[in-house]
Amino acid sequence: MVSFSTYSNKTIRTIFALFLFFYASQALSSSQYQNLTVLESHVHDFLDTQLNNSEHTKIVVNKLDKRLRLAACQQKLESFLPPGRPLSGRTTVRIKCNDDKKPWTLYVNVTIHHFEFIVIAKRSIPRGSIIKKSDLILVEQDTSRLNGAYLRETTLAVGKKAKQTIRANAPLTQRLLIEPQIIKRGDPITIIAQSSLLEIRAPGNALASGKIGEIIRVKNTKSQKIVEARITSNNTVTVQI
């Protein structure tokens, strides 16, 4: 006759053995699959290297679906970026496992944020206004969300004309600015005729309006001659001789 204590001990040993078998089976099964957390870390480290470990960059790797089952890769993982795509904003990283028996490829979605100090309008700037330094401020922003050639120095905007109304706190880009006409038709000007050896100055009048770098017709008020000259600064044009 089997005692209660003997039966209980056998039962306990059986349950413990089943538990060990189930745990070992689960561990073996898990080791057959690629660790998804390791994959996410691999993608982050790969991008960090590509970005030269920039402290002004934040990398966000999308979490992989926990139901994903990939064979554990026994080879070194290879990573690739889409050709021709900038390392900014939303993109994908292709991970490739070249195991002979169970090779696989996975695309991982990521977002790369870049933070830079850029020129921002401190207040609303009306269309046609000449921009002053007091209108601007440098602010650190996530430039991965911006379109256009945003400015990083206030000197690139000061003295330019607002092509349209620029709202307060808006980033300034080249497309929002135009060079102002610094000489208007009828303005008194100084004509500088210069060569590598000499420079001659004469008074004149502008016969057309223009911006810096443009060529306009001007009249020498002493000789009454009309010539074409390039605008080089406020009320000054230059003629090469």
C-alpha atoms as a PDB file:
ATOM      1  CA  MET A   1       0.000   0.000   0.000  1.00  0.00           C
ATOM      2  CA  VAL A   2       1.393   3.387  -1.040  1.00  0.00           C
ATOM      3  CA  SER A   3       1.436   5.972   1.709  1.00  0.00           C
ATOM      4  CA  PHE A   4       0.116   9.504   1.207  1.00  0.00           C
ATOM      5  CA  SER A   5       3.543  10.972   1.844  1.00  0.00           C
ATOM      6  CA  THR A   6       5.174   8.697  -0.771  1.00  0.00           C
ATOM      7  CA  TYR A   7       2.526   9.552  -3.337  1.00  0.00           C
ATOM      8  CA  SER A   8       2.949  13.255  -2.646  1.00  0.00           C
ATOM      9  CA  ASN A   9       6.730  13.071  -3.092  1.00  0.00           C
ATOM     10  CA  LYS A  10       6.386  11.250  -6.420  1.00  0.00           C
ATOM     11  CA  THR A  11       3.833  13.768  -7.599  1.00  0.00           C
ATOM     12  CA  ILE A  12       6.068  16.669  -6.671  1.00  0.00           C
ATOM     13  CA  ARG A  13       9.055  15.107  -8.451  1.00  0.00           C
ATOM     14  CA  THR A  14       6.936  14.513 -11.563  1.00  0.00           C
ATOM     15  CA  ILE A  15       5.650  18.088 -11.615  1.00  0.00           C
ATOM     16  CA  PHE A  16       9.179  19.420 -11.082  1.00  0.00           C
ATOM     17  CA  ALA A  17      10.523  17.261 -13.935  1.00  0.00           C
ATOM     18  CA  LEU A  18       7.756  18.445 -16.278  1.00  0.00           C
ATOM     19  CA  PHE A  19       8.508  22.039 -15.310  1.00  0.00           C
ATOM     20  CA  LEU A  20      12.210  21.610 -16.089  1.00  0.00           C
ATOM     21  CA  PHE A  21      11.387  19.985 -19.438  1.00  0.00           C
ATOM     22  CA  PHE A  22       8.968  22.766 -20.397  1.00  0.00           C
ATOM     23  CA  TYR A  23      11.426  25.486 -19.333  1.00  0.00           C
ATOM     24  CA  ALA A  24      14.276  23.877 -21.280  1.00  0.00           C
ATOM     25  CA  SER A  25      12.044  23.527 -24.350  1.00  0.00           C
ATOM     26  CA  GLN A  26      11.068  27.195 -24.148  1.00  0.00           C
ATOM     27  CA  ALA A  27      14.705  28.276 -23.753  1.00  0.00           C
ATOM     28  CA  LEU A  28      15.753  26.135 -26.701  1.00  0.00           C
ATOM     29  CA  SER A  29      12.898  27.517 -28.783  1.00  0.00           C
ATOM     30  CA  SER A  30      13.802  31.109 -27.883  1.00  0.00           C
ATOM     31  CA  SER A  31      17.456  30.610 -28.776  1.00  0.00           C
ATOM     32  CA  GLN A  32      16.410  29.564 -32.268  1.00  0.00           C
ATOM     33  CA  TYR A  33      15.013  33.030 -32.982  1.00  0.00           C
ATOM     34  CA  GLN A  34      16.743  36.352 -33.423  1.00  0.00           C
ATOM     35  CA  ASN A  35      16.556  38.649 -30.403  1.00  0.00           C
ATOM     36  CA  LEU A  36      14.521  41.676 -31.559  1.00  0.00           C
ATOM     37  CA  THR A  37      15.950  43.991 -28.913  1.00  0.00           C
ATOM     38  CA  VAL A  38      19.425  43.211 -30.196  1.00  0.00           C
ATOM     39  CA  LEU A  39      18.264  44.056 -33.737  1.00  0.00           C
ATOM     40  CA  GLU A  40      16.898  47.420 -32.626  1.00  0.00           C
ATOM     41  CA  SER A  41      20.157  48.223 -30.823  1.00  0.00           C
ATOM     42  CA  HIS A  42      22.121  47.166 -33.893  1.00  0.00           C
ATOM     43  CA  VAL A  43      20.157  49.594 -36.094  1.00  0.00           C
ATOM     44  CA  HIS A  44      20.649  52.434 -33.606  1.00  0.00           C
ATOM     45  CA  ASP A  45      24.409  51.813 -33.355  1.00  0.00           C
ATOM     46  CA  PHE A  46      24.718  51.565 -37.141  1.00  0.00           C
ATOM     47  CA  LEU A  47      23.029  54.946 -37.639  1.00  0.00           C
ATOM     48  CA  ASP A  48      24.987  56.516 -34.798  1.00  0.00           C
ATOM     49  CA  THR A  49      28.200  55.540 -36.580  1.00  0.00           C
ATOM     50  CA  GLN A  50      26.925  56.883 -39.897  1.00  0.00           C
ATOM     51  CA  LEU A  51      26.147  60.193 -38.191  1.00  0.00           C
ATOM     52  CA  ASN A  52      29.591  60.336 -36.526  1.00  0.00           C
ATOM     53  CA  ASN A  53      28.023  60.070 -33.065  1.00  0.00           C
ATOM     54  CA  SER A  54      26.669  63.602 -33.363  1.00  0.00           C
ATOM     55  CA  GLU A  55      25.397  65.023 -30.068  1.00  0.00           C
ATOM     56  CA  HIS A  56      22.942  67.178 -32.021  1.00  0.00           C
ATOM     57  CA  THR A  57      21.131  64.154 -33.445  1.00  0.00           C
ATOM     58  CA  LYS A  58      18.417  61.947 -31.982  1.00  0.00           C
ATOM     59  CA  ILE A  59      17.734  58.500 -33.483  1.00  0.00           C
ATOM     60  CA  VAL A  60      14.358  56.828 -32.948  1.00  0.00           C
ATOM     61  CA  VAL A  61      14.094  53.171 -34.010  1.00  0.00           C
ATOM     62  CA  ASN A  62      10.545  51.890 -34.428  1.00  0.00           C
ATOM     63  CA  LYS A  63       9.776  48.955 -32.158  1.00  0.00           C
ATOM     64  CA  LEU A  64       9.664  45.635 -33.990  1.00  0.00           C
ATOM     65  CA  ASP A  65       6.563  43.449 -33.814  1.00  0.00           C
ATOM     66  CA  LYS A  66       7.098  40.959 -30.956  1.00  0.00           C
ATOM     67  CA  ARG A  67       5.395  38.277 -33.043  1.00  0.00           C
ATOM     68  CA  LEU A  68       8.229  38.470 -35.587  1.00  0.00           C
ATOM     69  CA  ARG A  69      10.130  35.179 -35.799  1.00  0.00           C
ATOM     70  CA  LEU A  70      13.504  35.287 -37.553  1.00  0.00           C
ATOM     71  CA  ALA A  71      16.097  32.560 -37.328  1.00  0.00           C
ATOM     72  CA  ALA A  72      18.948  33.532 -35.010  1.00  0.00           C
ATOM     73  CA  CYS A  73      21.696  34.827 -37.284  1.00  0.00           C
ATOM     74  CA  GLN A  74      25.035  33.038 -36.881  1.00  0.00           C
ATOM     75  CA  GLN A  75      26.836  35.476 -39.186  1.00  0.00           C
ATOM     76  CA  LYS A  76      27.655  39.154 -38.770  1.00  0.00           C
ATOM     77  CA  LEU A  77      24.609  41.278 -39.571  1.00  0.00           C
ATOM     78  CA  GLU A  78      24.917  43.627 -42.564  1.00  0.00           C
ATOM     79  CA  SER A  79      23.145  46.986 -42.643  1.00  0.00           C
ATOM     80  CA  PHE A  80      22.295  49.244 -45.578  1.00  0.00           C
ATOM     81  CA  LEU A  81      20.729  52.665 -46.141  1.00  0.00           C
ATOM     82  CA  PRO A  82      18.510  53.610 -49.110  1.00  0.00           C
ATOM     83  CA  PRO A  83      20.783  55.015 -51.854  1.00  0.00           C
ATOM     84  CA  GLY A  84      20.487  58.737 -52.441  1.00  0.00           C
ATOM     85  CA  ARG A  85      18.376  59.378 -49.326  1.00  0.00           C
ATOM     86  CA  PRO A  86      19.562  61.971 -46.769  1.00  0.00           C
ATOM     87  CA  LEU A  87      20.214  60.849 -43.217  1.00  0.00           C
ATOM     88  CA  SER A  88      17.354  62.932 -41.904  1.00  0.00           C
ATOM     89  CA  GLY A  89      13.677  62.490 -41.085  1.00  0.00           C
ATOM     90  CA  ARG A  90      11.924  59.196 -41.735  1.00  0.00           C
ATOM     91  CA  THR A  91      13.872  56.495 -43.510  1.00  0.00           C
ATOM     92  CA  THR A  92      14.528  52.731 -43.389  1.00  0.00           C
ATOM     93  CA  VAL A  93      17.515  50.539 -42.613  1.00  0.00           C
ATOM     94  CA  ARG A  94      17.847  47.183 -44.366  1.00  0.00           C
ATOM     95  CA  ILE A  95      19.336  44.425 -42.213  1.00  0.00           C
ATOM     96  CA  LYS A  96      20.603  41.307 -43.925  1.00  0.00           C
ATOM     97  CA  CYS A  97      21.566  37.933 -42.449  1.00  0.00           C
ATOM     98  CA  ASN A  98      23.656  35.784 -44.789  1.00  0.00           C
ATOM     99  CA  ASP A  99      23.303  32.444 -43.020  1.00  0.00           C
ATOM    100  CA  ASP A 100      23.613  29.558 -45.476  1.00  0.00           C
ATOM    101  CA  LYS A 101      20.642  27.661 -44.083  1.00  0.00           C
ATOM    102  CA  LYS A 102      18.207  30.407 -43.098  1.00  0.00           C
ATOM    103  CA  PRO A 103      19.127  33.779 -44.622  1.00  0.00           C
ATOM    104  CA  TRP A 104      16.725  36.685 -44.133  1.00  0.00           C
ATOM    105  CA  THR A 105      16.307  40.405 -44.809  1.00  0.00           C
ATOM    106  CA  LEU A 106      14.439  42.885 -42.623  1.00  0.00           C
ATOM    107  CA  TYR A 107      13.518  46.552 -43.165  1.00  0.00           C
ATOM    108  CA  VAL A 108      13.399  48.659 -40.010  1.00  0.00           C
ATOM    109  CA  ASN A 109      11.691  52.065 -39.917  1.00  0.00           C
ATOM    110  CA  VAL A 110      13.592  54.851 -38.178  1.00  0.00           C
ATOM    111  CA  THR A 111      13.324  58.615 -37.648  1.00  0.00           C
ATOM    112  CA  ILE A 112      16.425  60.799 -37.458  1.00  0.00           C
ATOM    113  CA  HIS A 113      16.085  64.197 -35.793  1.00  0.00           C
ATOM    114  CA  HIS A 114      18.733  66.885 -36.366  1.00  0.00           C
ATOM    115  CA  PHE A 115      18.931  69.863 -34.017  1.00  0.00           C
ATOM    116  CA  GLU A 116      20.573  73.091 -35.212  1.00  0.00           C
ATOM    117  CA  PHE A 117      20.500  76.776 -34.383  1.00  0.00           C
ATOM    118  CA  ILE A 118      18.654  78.516 -37.223  1.00  0.00           C
ATOM    119  CA  VAL A 119      17.377  82.023 -37.935  1.00  0.00           C
ATOM    120  CA  ILE A 120      13.813  82.637 -36.722  1.00  0.00           C
ATOM    121  CA  ALA A 121      11.596  85.714 -37.123  1.00  0.00           C
ATOM    122  CA  LYS A 122      11.296  87.298 -33.674  1.00  0.00           C
ATOM    123  CA  ARG A 123       8.138  89.127 -34.778  1.00  0.00           C
ATOM    124  CA  SER A 124       5.903  89.278 -37.849  1.00  0.00           C
ATOM    125  CA  ILE A 125       7.788  90.878 -40.772  1.00  0.00           C
ATOM    126  CA  PRO A 126       5.505  92.574 -43.360  1.00  0.00           C
ATOM    127  CA  ARG A 127       5.990  91.958 -47.059  1.00  0.00           C
ATOM    128  CA  GLY A 128       8.429  94.429 -48.609  1.00  0.00           C
ATOM    129  CA  SER A 129      10.138  95.273 -45.326  1.00  0.00           C
ATOM    130  CA  ILE A 130      13.909  95.532 -45.136  1.00  0.00           C
ATOM    131  CA  ILE A 131      14.961  93.021 -42.517  1.00  0.00           C
ATOM    132  CA  LYS A 132      16.895  94.268 -39.485  1.00  0.00           C
ATOM    133  CA  LYS A 133      18.951  92.311 -36.983  1.00  0.00           C
ATOM    134  CA  SER A 134      16.390  93.150 -34.281  1.00  0.00           C
ATOM    135  CA  ASP A 135      13.767  91.231 -36.310  1.00  0.00           C
ATOM    136  CA  LEU A 136      15.694  87.983 -35.930  1.00  0.00           C
ATOM    137  CA  ILE A 137      16.789  85.456 -33.334  1.00  0.00           C
ATOM    138  CA  LEU A 138      18.753  82.175 -33.379  1.00  0.00           C
ATOM    139  CA  VAL A 139      16.782  79.199 -32.013  1.00  0.00           C
ATOM    140  CA  GLU A 140      17.664  75.493 -31.836  1.00  0.00           C
ATOM    141  CA  GLN A 141      15.100  73.450 -33.775  1.00  0.00           C
ATOM    142  CA  ASP A 142      14.586  70.018 -35.289  1.00  0.00           C
ATOM    143  CA  THR A 143      15.622  70.755 -38.875  1.00  0.00           C
ATOM    144  CA  SER A 144      14.627  67.298 -40.134  1.00  0.00           C
ATOM    145  CA  ARG A 145      11.047  68.638 -40.325  1.00  0.00           C
ATOM    146  CA  LEU A 146      11.927  71.762 -42.293  1.00  0.00           C
ATOM    147  CA  ASN A 147      11.862  72.270 -46.041  1.00  0.00           C
ATOM    148  CA  GLY A 148      14.013  74.720 -47.931  1.00  0.00           C
ATOM    149  CA  ALA A 149      17.413  76.284 -47.395  1.00  0.00           C
ATOM    150  CA  TYR A 150      16.930  77.608 -43.859  1.00  0.00           C
ATOM    151  CA  LEU A 151      19.478  80.174 -42.675  1.00  0.00           C
ATOM    152  CA  ARG A 152      22.014  79.546 -39.911  1.00  0.00           C
ATOM    153  CA  GLU A 153      23.376  83.118 -39.664  1.00  0.00           C
ATOM    154  CA  THR A 154      21.436  86.346 -39.183  1.00  0.00           C
ATOM    155  CA  THR A 155      23.902  88.194 -41.443  1.00  0.00           C
ATOM    156  CA  LEU A 156      22.477  86.269 -44.393  1.00  0.00           C
ATOM    157  CA  ALA A 157      19.084  87.922 -43.880  1.00  0.00           C
ATOM    158  CA  VAL A 158      19.876  91.403 -42.564  1.00  0.00           C
ATOM    159  CA  GLY A 159      19.426  94.026 -45.279  1.00  0.00           C
ATOM    160  CA  LYS A 160      17.329  91.720 -47.489  1.00  0.00           C
ATOM    161  CA  LYS A 161      13.714  92.426 -48.388  1.00  0.00           C
ATOM    162  CA  ALA A 162      10.835  90.197 -47.290  1.00  0.00           C
ATOM    163  CA  LYS A 163       9.337  88.647 -50.425  1.00  0.00           C
ATOM    164  CA  GLN A 164       6.130  87.918 -48.513  1.00  0.00           C
ATOM    165  CA  THR A 165       4.862  88.413 -44.981  1.00  0.00           C
ATOM    166  CA  ILE A 166       6.944  86.288 -42.625  1.00  0.00           C
ATOM    167  CA  ARG A 167       5.022  85.203 -39.545  1.00  0.00           C
ATOM    168  CA  ALA A 168       6.506  85.364 -36.056  1.00  0.00           C
ATOM    169  CA  ASN A 169       8.578  82.299 -35.056  1.00  0.00           C
ATOM    170  CA  ALA A 170       8.865  81.150 -38.685  1.00  0.00           C
ATOM    171  CA  PRO A 171      12.264  79.861 -39.887  1.00  0.00           C
ATOM    172  CA  LEU A 172      13.820  82.080 -42.550  1.00  0.00           C
ATOM    173  CA  THR A 173      14.775  80.533 -45.884  1.00  0.00           C
ATOM    174  CA  GLN A 174      16.295  82.011 -49.023  1.00  0.00           C
ATOM    175  CA  ARG A 175      12.993  81.757 -50.894  1.00  0.00           C
ATOM    176  CA  LEU A 176      11.424  84.222 -48.436  1.00  0.00           C
ATOM    177  CA  LEU A 177      14.014  86.904 -49.204  1.00  0.00           C
ATOM    178  CA  ILE A 178      14.996  89.065 -52.147  1.00  0.00           C
ATOM    179  CA  GLU A 179      17.746  91.588 -52.656  1.00  0.00           C
ATOM    180  CA  PRO A 180      16.361  95.129 -52.308  1.00  0.00           C
ATOM    181  CA  GLN A 181      16.881  97.751 -54.972  1.00  0.00           C
ATOM    182  CA  ILE A 182      19.550  99.933 -53.394  1.00  0.00           C
ATOM    183  CA  ILE A 183      19.709 102.358 -56.326  1.00  0.00           C
ATOM    184  CA  LYS A 184      16.621 103.897 -57.885  1.00  0.00           C
ATOM    185  CA  ARG A 185      16.271 105.688 -61.169  1.00  0.00           C
ATOM    186  CA  GLY A 186      17.295 109.354 -60.800  1.00  0.00           C
ATOM    187  CA  ASP A 187      19.421 108.757 -57.687  1.00  0.00           C
ATOM    188  CA  PRO A 188      22.737 110.642 -57.520  1.00  0.00           C
ATOM    189  CA  ILE A 189      25.580 108.134 -57.608  1.00  0.00           C
ATOM    190  CA  THR A 190      29.331 107.838 -57.665  1.00  0.00           C
ATOM    191  CA  ILE A 191      30.828 106.242 -60.773  1.00  0.00           C
ATOM    192  CA  ILE A 192      34.141 104.482 -60.178  1.00  0.00           C
ATOM    193  CA  ALA A 193      36.181 103.738 -63.310  1.00  0.00           C
ATOM    194  CA  GLN A 194      38.984 101.376 -62.340  1.00  0.00           C
ATOM    195  CA  SER A 195      41.722  99.173 -63.706  1.00  0.00           C
ATOM    196  CA  SER A 196      44.603  97.306 -62.126  1.00  0.00           C
ATOM    197  CA  LEU A 197      46.655 100.522 -62.178  1.00  0.00           C
ATOM    198  CA  LEU A 198      44.275 103.393 -61.421  1.00  0.00           C
ATOM    199  CA  GLU A 199      40.882 104.465 -60.129  1.00  0.00           C
ATOM    200  CA  ILE A 200      38.866 107.493 -61.219  1.00  0.00           C
ATOM    201  CA  ARG A 201      35.724 108.752 -59.487  1.00  0.00           C
ATOM    202  CA  ALA A 202      33.038 110.909 -61.067  1.00  0.00           C
ATOM    203  CA  PRO A 203      29.522 112.062 -60.103  1.00  0.00           C
ATOM    204  CA  GLY A 204      26.578 110.703 -62.004  1.00  0.00           C
ATOM    205  CA  ASN A 205      22.885 109.850 -62.077  1.00  0.00           C
ATOM    206  CA  ALA A 206      21.237 106.444 -62.278  1.00  0.00           C
ATOM    207  CA  LEU A 207      19.119 105.951 -65.395  1.00  0.00           C
ATOM    208  CA  ALA A 208      17.565 102.744 -63.964  1.00  0.00           C
ATOM    209  CA  SER A 209      16.907 101.045 -60.638  1.00  0.00           C
ATOM    210  CA  GLY A 210      18.834  97.987 -59.511  1.00  0.00           C
ATOM    211  CA  LYS A 211      20.174  95.611 -56.862  1.00  0.00           C
ATOM    212  CA  ILE A 212      23.735  94.856 -55.827  1.00  0.00           C
ATOM    213  CA  GLY A 213      25.516  92.995 -58.612  1.00  0.00           C
ATOM    214  CA  GLU A 214      23.164  94.166 -61.365  1.00  0.00           C
ATOM    215  CA  ILE A 215      24.360  96.251 -64.341  1.00  0.00           C
ATOM    216  CA  ILE A 216      22.462  99.468 -65.034  1.00  0.00           C
ATOM    217  CA  ARG A 217      22.861 102.498 -67.316  1.00  0.00           C
ATOM    218  CA  VAL A 218      24.267 105.608 -65.638  1.00  0.00           C
ATOM    219  CA  LYS A 219      25.118 109.112 -66.805  1.00  0.00           C
ATOM    220  CA  ASN A 220      28.336 110.934 -65.953  1.00  0.00           C
ATOM    221  CA  THR A 221      27.130 114.440 -65.054  1.00  0.00           C
ATOM    222  CA  LYS A 222      30.516 115.973 -65.859  1.00  0.00           C
ATOM    223  CA  SER A 223      31.106 114.466 -69.311  1.00  0.00           C
ATOM    224  CA  GLN A 224      27.410 113.774 -70.044  1.00  0.00           C
ATOM    225  CA  LYS A 225      28.487 110.299 -71.244  1.00  0.00           C
ATOM    226  CA  ILE A 226      26.151 107.344 -70.680  1.00  0.00           C
ATOM    227  CA  VAL A 227      27.786 104.037 -69.707  1.00  0.00           C
ATOM    228  CA  GLU A 228      26.803 100.685 -68.226  1.00  0.00           C
ATOM    229  CA  ALA A 229      28.108  99.985 -64.749  1.00  0.00           C
ATOM    230  CA  ARG A 230      27.736  97.346 -62.042  1.00  0.00           C
ATOM    231  CA  ILE A 231      26.138  98.245 -58.700  1.00  0.00           C
ATOM    232  CA  THR A 232      28.677  97.513 -55.961  1.00  0.00           C
ATOM    233  CA  SER A 233      27.185  99.295 -52.923  1.00  0.00           C
ATOM    234  CA  ASN A 234      24.720 102.004 -51.898  1.00  0.00           C
ATOM    235  CA  ASN A 235      24.866 104.788 -54.504  1.00  0.00           C
ATOM    236  CA  THR A 236      28.085 103.403 -56.035  1.00  0.00           C
ATOM    237  CA  VAL A 237      28.631 101.753 -59.426  1.00  0.00           C
ATOM    238  CA  THR A 238      31.838 100.442 -60.990  1.00  0.00           C
ATOM    239  CA  VAL A 239      33.096 100.426 -64.579  1.00  0.00           C
ATOM    240  CA  GLN A 240      36.123  98.382 -65.619  1.00  0.00           C
ATOM    241  CA  ILE A 241      38.525 100.198 -67.963  1.00  0.00           C
END
